[in-house]
């Protein structure tokens, strides 16, 4: 008489695959929606937390399924393996976020000048929804100094106009879109300097004179003079007040939004550059603000190679 052995089936392994597949689809949909479809960052964070939770549950069930396979030979090894593969992406994203949250200071705004922080030309505003945060305090600046001691401004030997061109070029190459500028354009004419309107009678007589055919060409032809609002005046204003550029950027994968301020000040024959980066959402930037500022300054050093100083 033949003996037939029926292998038990691990329900934990099967459910782990389903939970992991759901977590992976949820994670990918959130990332794509945030990067390309305008999903708000607070919703992205919430969905990633849910996806990470399902991934953890799937990993626990997969471990139980593998244990049953080892002890009793229960079916479900393939399901458990698939669950671990599906859950890898949400677990990696969640794990990196948790590691950065506890290893980095809980701040969302960093500056190369923590004492005289560059002011925003237009204060960034965004609906935080459930990611509430408070204004930056001097204590937060002290946390920044302790966490990122190498995040400092740069001094370059050269005129502010030369450095300004490099600053804008590096910003463009680093994906920083400049949205506002102060001191970087030719000033507009003062409304008080507009020519005074002529009386109506005088205007009519002048019009009649203009329509008349002149008897002879004038002996002296006036030479036009350049407007007082030219590039030379703009350069003088730059040297006196400096230049401030405000822009925005996004991270490559997650598409997180950050606001950037770049301030240039001419001191003697050198130009000092400060950078301020702030996360648009959340009470913590997970260290991304400092990474963006440091990457930008390193690229600027390379662009202005040979004239950088501290």
C-alpha atoms as a PDB file:
ATOM      1  CA  UNK A   1       0.000   0.000   0.000  1.00  0.00           C
ATOM      2  CA  UNK A   2       1.498   3.338  -1.067  1.00  0.00           C
ATOM      3  CA  UNK A   3       1.788   6.095   1.468  1.00  0.00           C
ATOM      4  CA  UNK A   4       1.057   9.640   0.292  1.00  0.00           C
ATOM      5  CA  UNK A   5       2.471  12.634   2.106  1.00  0.00           C
ATOM      6  CA  UNK A   6       0.558  15.937   1.815  1.00  0.00           C
ATOM      7  CA  UNK A   7       2.725  18.997   2.333  1.00  0.00           C
ATOM      8  CA  UNK A   8       1.203  21.689   4.489  1.00  0.00           C
ATOM      9  CA  UNK A   9       0.663  25.096   2.945  1.00  0.00           C
ATOM     10  CA  UNK A  10       1.945  28.266   4.591  1.00  0.00           C
ATOM     11  CA  UNK A  11      -0.792  30.877   4.558  1.00  0.00           C
ATOM     12  CA  UNK A  12       1.690  33.413   5.942  1.00  0.00           C
ATOM     13  CA  UNK A  13       3.866  33.091   2.848  1.00  0.00           C
ATOM     14  CA  UNK A  14       0.931  33.614   0.504  1.00  0.00           C
ATOM     15  CA  UNK A  15      -0.327  36.670   2.348  1.00  0.00           C
ATOM     16  CA  UNK A  16       3.202  38.075   2.510  1.00  0.00           C
ATOM     17  CA  UNK A  17       3.390  38.082  -1.297  1.00  0.00           C
ATOM     18  CA  UNK A  18       0.067  39.902  -1.580  1.00  0.00           C
ATOM     19  CA  UNK A  19       0.950  42.513   1.027  1.00  0.00           C
ATOM     20  CA  UNK A  20       4.379  43.087  -0.531  1.00  0.00           C
ATOM     21  CA  UNK A  21       2.927  43.472  -4.031  1.00  0.00           C
ATOM     22  CA  UNK A  22       0.398  45.996  -2.719  1.00  0.00           C
ATOM     23  CA  UNK A  23       3.155  47.944  -0.940  1.00  0.00           C
ATOM     24  CA  UNK A  24       5.324  48.027  -4.071  1.00  0.00           C
ATOM     25  CA  UNK A  25       2.484  49.252  -6.315  1.00  0.00           C
ATOM     26  CA  UNK A  26       1.514  51.864  -3.734  1.00  0.00           C
ATOM     27  CA  UNK A  27       5.099  53.080  -3.428  1.00  0.00           C
ATOM     28  CA  UNK A  28       5.681  53.312  -7.186  1.00  0.00           C
ATOM     29  CA  UNK A  29       2.356  55.081  -7.758  1.00  0.00           C
ATOM     30  CA  UNK A  30       3.203  57.648  -5.074  1.00  0.00           C
ATOM     31  CA  UNK A  31       6.703  58.283  -6.456  1.00  0.00           C
ATOM     32  CA  UNK A  32       5.478  58.686 -10.040  1.00  0.00           C
ATOM     33  CA  UNK A  33       2.538  60.838  -8.972  1.00  0.00           C
ATOM     34  CA  UNK A  34       4.758  63.114  -6.900  1.00  0.00           C
ATOM     35  CA  UNK A  35       7.476  63.410  -9.528  1.00  0.00           C
ATOM     36  CA  UNK A  36       5.329  63.904 -12.608  1.00  0.00           C
ATOM     37  CA  UNK A  37       1.665  64.388 -11.652  1.00  0.00           C
ATOM     38  CA  UNK A  38       1.783  67.049  -8.950  1.00  0.00           C
ATOM     39  CA  UNK A  39       1.057  64.921  -5.883  1.00  0.00           C
ATOM     40  CA  UNK A  40       1.719  67.081  -2.810  1.00  0.00           C
ATOM     41  CA  UNK A  41       4.717  66.118  -0.695  1.00  0.00           C
ATOM     42  CA  UNK A  42       2.712  65.602   2.541  1.00  0.00           C
ATOM     43  CA  UNK A  43       0.575  63.010   0.740  1.00  0.00           C
ATOM     44  CA  UNK A  44       3.716  61.372  -0.637  1.00  0.00           C
ATOM     45  CA  UNK A  45       5.135  61.025   2.871  1.00  0.00           C
ATOM     46  CA  UNK A  46       1.866  59.592   4.168  1.00  0.00           C
ATOM     47  CA  UNK A  47       1.609  57.034   1.354  1.00  0.00           C
ATOM     48  CA  UNK A  48       5.249  56.000   1.782  1.00  0.00           C
ATOM     49  CA  UNK A  49       4.660  55.447   5.500  1.00  0.00           C
ATOM     50  CA  UNK A  50       1.691  53.193   4.686  1.00  0.00           C
ATOM     51  CA  UNK A  51       3.706  51.339   2.025  1.00  0.00           C
ATOM     52  CA  UNK A  52       6.583  50.834   4.447  1.00  0.00           C
ATOM     53  CA  UNK A  53       4.184  49.479   7.052  1.00  0.00           C
ATOM     54  CA  UNK A  54       2.770  46.912   4.621  1.00  0.00           C
ATOM     55  CA  UNK A  55       6.316  46.005   3.581  1.00  0.00           C
ATOM     56  CA  UNK A  56       7.318  45.350   7.177  1.00  0.00           C
ATOM     57  CA  UNK A  57       4.232  43.194   7.640  1.00  0.00           C
ATOM     58  CA  UNK A  58       5.032  41.318   4.437  1.00  0.00           C
ATOM     59  CA  UNK A  59       8.618  40.724   5.556  1.00  0.00           C
ATOM     60  CA  UNK A  60       7.447  39.336   8.903  1.00  0.00           C
ATOM     61  CA  UNK A  61       4.973  36.982   7.198  1.00  0.00           C
ATOM     62  CA  UNK A  62       7.630  35.932   4.698  1.00  0.00           C
ATOM     63  CA  UNK A  63       9.977  35.069   7.561  1.00  0.00           C
ATOM     64  CA  UNK A  64       7.216  32.980   9.131  1.00  0.00           C
ATOM     65  CA  UNK A  65       6.652  31.205   5.804  1.00  0.00           C
ATOM     66  CA  UNK A  66      10.338  30.415   5.437  1.00  0.00           C
ATOM     67  CA  UNK A  67      10.397  29.101   8.990  1.00  0.00           C
ATOM     68  CA  UNK A  68       7.493  26.765   8.209  1.00  0.00           C
ATOM     69  CA  UNK A  69       9.315  25.623   5.083  1.00  0.00           C
ATOM     70  CA  UNK A  70      12.421  24.828   7.126  1.00  0.00           C
ATOM     71  CA  UNK A  71      10.652  23.048   9.985  1.00  0.00           C
ATOM     72  CA  UNK A  72       7.754  21.235   8.302  1.00  0.00           C
ATOM     73  CA  UNK A  73       8.449  21.544   4.590  1.00  0.00           C
ATOM     74  CA  UNK A  74       5.370  23.699   4.090  1.00  0.00           C
ATOM     75  CA  UNK A  75       4.697  25.123   0.661  1.00  0.00           C
ATOM     76  CA  UNK A  76       5.212  28.829   0.225  1.00  0.00           C
ATOM     77  CA  UNK A  77       8.924  29.289  -0.284  1.00  0.00           C
ATOM     78  CA  UNK A  78       8.465  30.947  -3.681  1.00  0.00           C
ATOM     79  CA  UNK A  79       5.788  33.279  -2.308  1.00  0.00           C
ATOM     80  CA  UNK A  80       8.023  34.263   0.598  1.00  0.00           C
ATOM     81  CA  UNK A  81      10.936  34.959  -1.762  1.00  0.00           C
ATOM     82  CA  UNK A  82       8.754  37.096  -4.039  1.00  0.00           C
ATOM     83  CA  UNK A  83       7.459  38.982  -1.017  1.00  0.00           C
ATOM     84  CA  UNK A  84      10.975  39.892   0.078  1.00  0.00           C
ATOM     85  CA  UNK A  85      11.815  41.079  -3.442  1.00  0.00           C
ATOM     86  CA  UNK A  86       8.628  43.157  -3.750  1.00  0.00           C
ATOM     87  CA  UNK A  87       9.076  44.694  -0.310  1.00  0.00           C
ATOM     88  CA  UNK A  88      12.705  45.690  -0.908  1.00  0.00           C
ATOM     89  CA  UNK A  89      12.043  49.128  -2.454  1.00  0.00           C
ATOM     90  CA  UNK A  90       9.591  50.432   0.187  1.00  0.00           C
ATOM     91  CA  UNK A  91      11.788  49.029   2.958  1.00  0.00           C
ATOM     92  CA  UNK A  92      14.909  50.715   1.559  1.00  0.00           C
ATOM     93  CA  UNK A  93      13.175  54.078   1.185  1.00  0.00           C
ATOM     94  CA  UNK A  94      11.619  53.864   4.637  1.00  0.00           C
ATOM     95  CA  UNK A  95      14.848  52.661   6.231  1.00  0.00           C
ATOM     96  CA  UNK A  96      16.931  55.452   4.713  1.00  0.00           C
ATOM     97  CA  UNK A  97      14.358  58.043   5.780  1.00  0.00           C
ATOM     98  CA  UNK A  98      14.318  56.760   9.371  1.00  0.00           C
ATOM     99  CA  UNK A  99      18.128  56.592   9.497  1.00  0.00           C
ATOM    100  CA  UNK A 100      18.480  60.178   8.248  1.00  0.00           C
ATOM    101  CA  UNK A 101      15.728  61.449  10.535  1.00  0.00           C
ATOM    102  CA  UNK A 102      17.470  60.188  13.668  1.00  0.00           C
ATOM    103  CA  UNK A 103      21.066  60.846  12.566  1.00  0.00           C
ATOM    104  CA  UNK A 104      20.509  64.359  11.170  1.00  0.00           C
ATOM    105  CA  UNK A 105      19.283  67.412  13.092  1.00  0.00           C
ATOM    106  CA  UNK A 106      15.553  68.063  12.811  1.00  0.00           C
ATOM    107  CA  UNK A 107      15.833  71.257  10.758  1.00  0.00           C
ATOM    108  CA  UNK A 108      14.545  72.236   7.336  1.00  0.00           C
ATOM    109  CA  UNK A 109      16.567  75.390   6.611  1.00  0.00           C
ATOM    110  CA  UNK A 110      20.364  75.685   6.351  1.00  0.00           C
ATOM    111  CA  UNK A 111      22.600  78.620   5.467  1.00  0.00           C
ATOM    112  CA  UNK A 112      26.299  79.151   4.929  1.00  0.00           C
ATOM    113  CA  UNK A 113      25.936  82.303   7.063  1.00  0.00           C
ATOM    114  CA  UNK A 114      23.984  81.304  10.202  1.00  0.00           C
ATOM    115  CA  UNK A 115      24.484  84.742  11.789  1.00  0.00           C
ATOM    116  CA  UNK A 116      23.376  87.023   8.950  1.00  0.00           C
ATOM    117  CA  UNK A 117      21.104  84.658   7.031  1.00  0.00           C
ATOM    118  CA  UNK A 118      20.255  85.778   3.465  1.00  0.00           C
ATOM    119  CA  UNK A 119      16.678  87.062   3.351  1.00  0.00           C
ATOM    120  CA  UNK A 120      14.121  85.657   0.957  1.00  0.00           C
ATOM    121  CA  UNK A 121      13.111  87.963  -1.863  1.00  0.00           C
ATOM    122  CA  UNK A 122       9.707  86.317  -1.577  1.00  0.00           C
ATOM    123  CA  UNK A 123       9.069  84.109   1.437  1.00  0.00           C
ATOM    124  CA  UNK A 124       8.226  80.583   0.234  1.00  0.00           C
ATOM    125  CA  UNK A 125       4.794  79.387   1.297  1.00  0.00           C
ATOM    126  CA  UNK A 126       3.182  75.982   0.914  1.00  0.00           C
ATOM    127  CA  UNK A 127       0.278  74.151   2.475  1.00  0.00           C
ATOM    128  CA  UNK A 128       1.910  71.809   4.981  1.00  0.00           C
ATOM    129  CA  UNK A 129      -1.355  69.844   5.427  1.00  0.00           C
ATOM    130  CA  UNK A 130      -0.344  67.463   8.227  1.00  0.00           C
ATOM    131  CA  UNK A 131       3.423  68.151   8.159  1.00  0.00           C
ATOM    132  CA  UNK A 132       3.447  70.993  10.663  1.00  0.00           C
ATOM    133  CA  UNK A 133       6.596  72.964  11.433  1.00  0.00           C
ATOM    134  CA  UNK A 134       7.711  76.024  13.388  1.00  0.00           C
ATOM    135  CA  UNK A 135       9.928  78.963  12.313  1.00  0.00           C
ATOM    136  CA  UNK A 136      13.691  78.495  12.427  1.00  0.00           C
ATOM    137  CA  UNK A 137      15.266  79.529  15.753  1.00  0.00           C
ATOM    138  CA  UNK A 138      18.853  80.360  16.767  1.00  0.00           C
ATOM    139  CA  UNK A 139      18.972  76.920  18.381  1.00  0.00           C
ATOM    140  CA  UNK A 140      18.319  75.402  14.974  1.00  0.00           C
ATOM    141  CA  UNK A 141      21.258  77.348  13.555  1.00  0.00           C
ATOM    142  CA  UNK A 142      23.456  75.936  16.323  1.00  0.00           C
ATOM    143  CA  UNK A 143      22.315  72.430  15.412  1.00  0.00           C
ATOM    144  CA  UNK A 144      23.303  73.176  11.825  1.00  0.00           C
ATOM    145  CA  UNK A 145      26.795  74.285  12.857  1.00  0.00           C
ATOM    146  CA  UNK A 146      27.272  71.082  14.836  1.00  0.00           C
ATOM    147  CA  UNK A 147      25.945  68.822  12.080  1.00  0.00           C
ATOM    148  CA  UNK A 148      27.512  70.554   9.042  1.00  0.00           C
ATOM    149  CA  UNK A 149      30.670  72.368  10.171  1.00  0.00           C
ATOM    150  CA  UNK A 150      32.048  72.431   6.611  1.00  0.00           C
ATOM    151  CA  UNK A 151      29.029  74.245   5.191  1.00  0.00           C
ATOM    152  CA  UNK A 152      30.534  77.722   4.804  1.00  0.00           C
ATOM    153  CA  UNK A 153      30.465  80.539   2.278  1.00  0.00           C
ATOM    154  CA  UNK A 154      33.030  81.072  -0.455  1.00  0.00           C
ATOM    155  CA  UNK A 155      35.265  84.047  -1.188  1.00  0.00           C
ATOM    156  CA  UNK A 156      36.484  84.527  -4.755  1.00  0.00           C
ATOM    157  CA  UNK A 157      39.112  86.917  -6.051  1.00  0.00           C
ATOM    158  CA  UNK A 158      37.322  88.827  -8.767  1.00  0.00           C
ATOM    159  CA  UNK A 159      34.639  91.354  -9.554  1.00  0.00           C
ATOM    160  CA  UNK A 160      31.056  90.562  -8.695  1.00  0.00           C
ATOM    161  CA  UNK A 161      29.971  90.541 -12.352  1.00  0.00           C
ATOM    162  CA  UNK A 162      32.423  87.795 -13.228  1.00  0.00           C
ATOM    163  CA  UNK A 163      31.367  85.668 -10.268  1.00  0.00           C
ATOM    164  CA  UNK A 164      27.700  86.355 -10.990  1.00  0.00           C
ATOM    165  CA  UNK A 165      27.943  84.807 -14.440  1.00  0.00           C
ATOM    166  CA  UNK A 166      29.476  81.659 -12.953  1.00  0.00           C
ATOM    167  CA  UNK A 167      26.859  81.574 -10.203  1.00  0.00           C
ATOM    168  CA  UNK A 168      24.004  81.611 -12.711  1.00  0.00           C
ATOM    169  CA  UNK A 169      25.694  79.068 -14.969  1.00  0.00           C
ATOM    170  CA  UNK A 170      26.300  76.598 -12.135  1.00  0.00           C
ATOM    171  CA  UNK A 171      22.755  77.104 -10.881  1.00  0.00           C
ATOM    172  CA  UNK A 172      21.398  76.191 -14.304  1.00  0.00           C
ATOM    173  CA  UNK A 173      23.620  73.112 -14.552  1.00  0.00           C
ATOM    174  CA  UNK A 174      22.600  71.966 -11.050  1.00  0.00           C
ATOM    175  CA  UNK A 175      18.907  72.186 -11.823  1.00  0.00           C
ATOM    176  CA  UNK A 176      18.269  75.381  -9.839  1.00  0.00           C
ATOM    177  CA  UNK A 177      15.718  77.559 -11.618  1.00  0.00           C
ATOM    178  CA  UNK A 178      16.154  81.236 -10.767  1.00  0.00           C
ATOM    179  CA  UNK A 179      12.751  82.826 -10.179  1.00  0.00           C
ATOM    180  CA  UNK A 180      13.659  86.209  -8.659  1.00  0.00           C
ATOM    181  CA  UNK A 181      16.664  88.511  -8.613  1.00  0.00           C
ATOM    182  CA  UNK A 182      17.662  91.683  -6.834  1.00  0.00           C
ATOM    183  CA  UNK A 183      20.578  93.818  -8.042  1.00  0.00           C
ATOM    184  CA  UNK A 184      20.922  91.731 -11.201  1.00  0.00           C
ATOM    185  CA  UNK A 185      19.124  93.975 -13.692  1.00  0.00           C
ATOM    186  CA  UNK A 186      19.322  97.482 -15.070  1.00  0.00           C
ATOM    187  CA  UNK A 187      17.281  99.711 -12.776  1.00  0.00           C
ATOM    188  CA  UNK A 188      14.103 101.168 -14.157  1.00  0.00           C
ATOM    189  CA  UNK A 189      13.705 104.870 -14.777  1.00  0.00           C
ATOM    190  CA  UNK A 190      12.361 106.853 -11.857  1.00  0.00           C
ATOM    191  CA  UNK A 191       8.792 107.997 -12.564  1.00  0.00           C
ATOM    192  CA  UNK A 192       9.762 111.493 -11.347  1.00  0.00           C
ATOM    193  CA  UNK A 193      12.282 111.711 -14.177  1.00  0.00           C
ATOM    194  CA  UNK A 194       9.611 111.512 -16.884  1.00  0.00           C
ATOM    195  CA  UNK A 195       9.551 114.533 -19.219  1.00  0.00           C
ATOM    196  CA  UNK A 196       7.048 117.198 -18.287  1.00  0.00           C
ATOM    197  CA  UNK A 197       4.058 117.413 -20.625  1.00  0.00           C
ATOM    198  CA  UNK A 198       3.989 120.505 -22.831  1.00  0.00           C
ATOM    199  CA  UNK A 199       1.001 122.845 -22.888  1.00  0.00           C
ATOM    200  CA  UNK A 200      -1.572 122.173 -25.562  1.00  0.00           C
ATOM    201  CA  UNK A 201      -0.977 125.416 -27.394  1.00  0.00           C
ATOM    202  CA  UNK A 202       2.733 124.866 -27.457  1.00  0.00           C
ATOM    203  CA  UNK A 203       2.199 121.304 -28.668  1.00  0.00           C
ATOM    204  CA  UNK A 204       0.022 122.533 -31.530  1.00  0.00           C
ATOM    205  CA  UNK A 205       2.545 125.157 -32.592  1.00  0.00           C
ATOM    206  CA  UNK A 206       5.296 122.613 -32.369  1.00  0.00           C
ATOM    207  CA  UNK A 207       3.291 120.199 -34.517  1.00  0.00           C
ATOM    208  CA  UNK A 208       2.787 122.929 -37.106  1.00  0.00           C
ATOM    209  CA  UNK A 209       6.479 123.689 -37.088  1.00  0.00           C
ATOM    210  CA  UNK A 210       7.261 120.022 -37.544  1.00  0.00           C
ATOM    211  CA  UNK A 211       4.993 119.779 -40.589  1.00  0.00           C
ATOM    212  CA  UNK A 212       6.576 122.808 -42.252  1.00  0.00           C
ATOM    213  CA  UNK A 213       9.398 122.201 -44.652  1.00  0.00           C
ATOM    214  CA  UNK A 214      12.656 123.508 -43.224  1.00  0.00           C
ATOM    215  CA  UNK A 215      14.431 126.145 -45.278  1.00  0.00           C
ATOM    216  CA  UNK A 216      17.886 124.858 -44.445  1.00  0.00           C
ATOM    217  CA  UNK A 217      19.558 122.189 -42.399  1.00  0.00           C
ATOM    218  CA  UNK A 218      20.605 123.267 -38.927  1.00  0.00           C
ATOM    219  CA  UNK A 219      24.196 124.256 -38.490  1.00  0.00           C
ATOM    220  CA  UNK A 220      24.676 122.241 -35.309  1.00  0.00           C
ATOM    221  CA  UNK A 221      23.301 118.705 -35.015  1.00  0.00           C
ATOM    222  CA  UNK A 222      22.872 117.559 -31.392  1.00  0.00           C
ATOM    223  CA  UNK A 223      24.787 114.393 -30.561  1.00  0.00           C
ATOM    224  CA  UNK A 224      22.677 111.847 -28.641  1.00  0.00           C
ATOM    225  CA  UNK A 225      24.026 110.968 -25.207  1.00  0.00           C
ATOM    226  CA  UNK A 226      23.656 107.549 -23.596  1.00  0.00           C
ATOM    227  CA  UNK A 227      20.897 107.025 -21.070  1.00  0.00           C
ATOM    228  CA  UNK A 228      22.030 107.329 -17.468  1.00  0.00           C
ATOM    229  CA  UNK A 229      20.520 103.908 -16.758  1.00  0.00           C
ATOM    230  CA  UNK A 230      23.027 101.685 -18.496  1.00  0.00           C
ATOM    231  CA  UNK A 231      25.224  98.735 -17.537  1.00  0.00           C
ATOM    232  CA  UNK A 232      27.735 100.961 -15.745  1.00  0.00           C
ATOM    233  CA  UNK A 233      25.106 102.123 -13.292  1.00  0.00           C
ATOM    234  CA  UNK A 234      23.907  98.538 -12.805  1.00  0.00           C
ATOM    235  CA  UNK A 235      27.464  97.491 -11.970  1.00  0.00           C
ATOM    236  CA  UNK A 236      27.750 100.303  -9.446  1.00  0.00           C
ATOM    237  CA  UNK A 237      24.546  99.166  -7.770  1.00  0.00           C
ATOM    238  CA  UNK A 238      25.838  95.595  -7.646  1.00  0.00           C
ATOM    239  CA  UNK A 239      29.009  96.718  -5.957  1.00  0.00           C
ATOM    240  CA  UNK A 240      27.097  98.828  -3.439  1.00  0.00           C
ATOM    241  CA  UNK A 241      24.246  96.484  -2.555  1.00  0.00           C
ATOM    242  CA  UNK A 242      25.322  93.096  -3.863  1.00  0.00           C
ATOM    243  CA  UNK A 243      23.194  90.626  -5.783  1.00  0.00           C
ATOM    244  CA  UNK A 244      20.616  88.195  -4.443  1.00  0.00           C
ATOM    245  CA  UNK A 245      19.139  85.383  -6.513  1.00  0.00           C
ATOM    246  CA  UNK A 246      16.221  83.223  -5.425  1.00  0.00           C
ATOM    247  CA  UNK A 247      15.356  79.942  -7.095  1.00  0.00           C
ATOM    248  CA  UNK A 248      13.934  76.488  -6.598  1.00  0.00           C
ATOM    249  CA  UNK A 249      15.088  72.950  -7.288  1.00  0.00           C
ATOM    250  CA  UNK A 250      13.918  69.342  -6.962  1.00  0.00           C
ATOM    251  CA  UNK A 251      15.698  66.132  -6.039  1.00  0.00           C
ATOM    252  CA  UNK A 252      16.230  63.718  -8.905  1.00  0.00           C
ATOM    253  CA  UNK A 253      14.412  60.583  -7.700  1.00  0.00           C
ATOM    254  CA  UNK A 254      11.849  61.665  -5.117  1.00  0.00           C
ATOM    255  CA  UNK A 255      11.217  65.081  -6.657  1.00  0.00           C
ATOM    256  CA  UNK A 256      11.289  66.862  -3.275  1.00  0.00           C
ATOM    257  CA  UNK A 257      11.085  70.643  -3.625  1.00  0.00           C
ATOM    258  CA  UNK A 258      13.625  73.033  -2.125  1.00  0.00           C
ATOM    259  CA  UNK A 259      13.946  76.823  -2.209  1.00  0.00           C
ATOM    260  CA  UNK A 260      17.373  78.387  -2.706  1.00  0.00           C
ATOM    261  CA  UNK A 261      18.860  81.817  -2.016  1.00  0.00           C
ATOM    262  CA  UNK A 262      22.269  82.800  -3.431  1.00  0.00           C
ATOM    263  CA  UNK A 263      23.732  86.050  -2.124  1.00  0.00           C
ATOM    264  CA  UNK A 264      26.785  87.792  -3.597  1.00  0.00           C
ATOM    265  CA  UNK A 265      28.573  90.633  -1.833  1.00  0.00           C
ATOM    266  CA  UNK A 266      31.633  92.471  -3.123  1.00  0.00           C
ATOM    267  CA  UNK A 267      34.225  93.190  -0.450  1.00  0.00           C
ATOM    268  CA  UNK A 268      37.343  95.083  -1.540  1.00  0.00           C
ATOM    269  CA  UNK A 269      38.539  93.179  -4.611  1.00  0.00           C
ATOM    270  CA  UNK A 270      36.822  89.902  -3.726  1.00  0.00           C
ATOM    271  CA  UNK A 271      33.266  88.545  -3.951  1.00  0.00           C
ATOM    272  CA  UNK A 272      31.698  86.554  -1.118  1.00  0.00           C
ATOM    273  CA  UNK A 273      28.992  84.001  -1.964  1.00  0.00           C
ATOM    274  CA  UNK A 274      26.484  82.645   0.568  1.00  0.00           C
ATOM    275  CA  UNK A 275      23.850  79.994  -0.065  1.00  0.00           C
ATOM    276  CA  UNK A 276      20.633  79.248   1.814  1.00  0.00           C
ATOM    277  CA  UNK A 277      18.550  76.138   1.106  1.00  0.00           C
ATOM    278  CA  UNK A 278      15.211  75.251   2.711  1.00  0.00           C
ATOM    279  CA  UNK A 279      12.866  72.339   2.277  1.00  0.00           C
ATOM    280  CA  UNK A 280       9.432  73.485   1.174  1.00  0.00           C
ATOM    281  CA  UNK A 281       7.591  70.874   3.244  1.00  0.00           C
ATOM    282  CA  UNK A 282       8.022  69.238   6.617  1.00  0.00           C
ATOM    283  CA  UNK A 283       9.878  69.972   9.853  1.00  0.00           C
ATOM    284  CA  UNK A 284      12.972  68.056   8.720  1.00  0.00           C
ATOM    285  CA  UNK A 285      14.823  68.022   5.413  1.00  0.00           C
ATOM    286  CA  UNK A 286      16.596  64.712   6.222  1.00  0.00           C
ATOM    287  CA  UNK A 287      19.904  66.383   5.378  1.00  0.00           C
ATOM    288  CA  UNK A 288      19.002  67.084   1.740  1.00  0.00           C
ATOM    289  CA  UNK A 289      19.272  70.872   2.125  1.00  0.00           C
ATOM    290  CA  UNK A 290      22.905  70.629   3.199  1.00  0.00           C
ATOM    291  CA  UNK A 291      23.631  68.184   0.374  1.00  0.00           C
ATOM    292  CA  UNK A 292      22.161  70.585  -2.195  1.00  0.00           C
ATOM    293  CA  UNK A 293      24.135  73.542  -0.829  1.00  0.00           C
ATOM    294  CA  UNK A 294      27.410  71.610  -0.658  1.00  0.00           C
ATOM    295  CA  UNK A 295      27.004  70.172  -4.166  1.00  0.00           C
ATOM    296  CA  UNK A 296      26.306  73.638  -5.538  1.00  0.00           C
ATOM    297  CA  UNK A 297      29.310  75.213  -3.824  1.00  0.00           C
ATOM    298  CA  UNK A 298      31.618  72.421  -4.992  1.00  0.00           C
ATOM    299  CA  UNK A 299      30.439  72.918  -8.563  1.00  0.00           C
ATOM    300  CA  UNK A 300      30.940  76.673  -8.204  1.00  0.00           C
ATOM    301  CA  UNK A 301      34.481  76.092  -6.917  1.00  0.00           C
ATOM    302  CA  UNK A 302      35.192  73.949  -9.965  1.00  0.00           C
ATOM    303  CA  UNK A 303      33.771  76.611 -12.279  1.00  0.00           C
ATOM    304  CA  UNK A 304      35.870  79.329 -10.664  1.00  0.00           C
ATOM    305  CA  UNK A 305      38.884  77.086 -10.183  1.00  0.00           C
ATOM    306  CA  UNK A 306      41.928  78.954  -9.001  1.00  0.00           C
ATOM    307  CA  UNK A 307      40.222  81.970  -7.453  1.00  0.00           C
ATOM    308  CA  UNK A 308      38.331  80.299  -4.589  1.00  0.00           C
ATOM    309  CA  UNK A 309      39.239  81.131  -1.003  1.00  0.00           C
ATOM    310  CA  UNK A 310      37.764  81.055   2.469  1.00  0.00           C
END
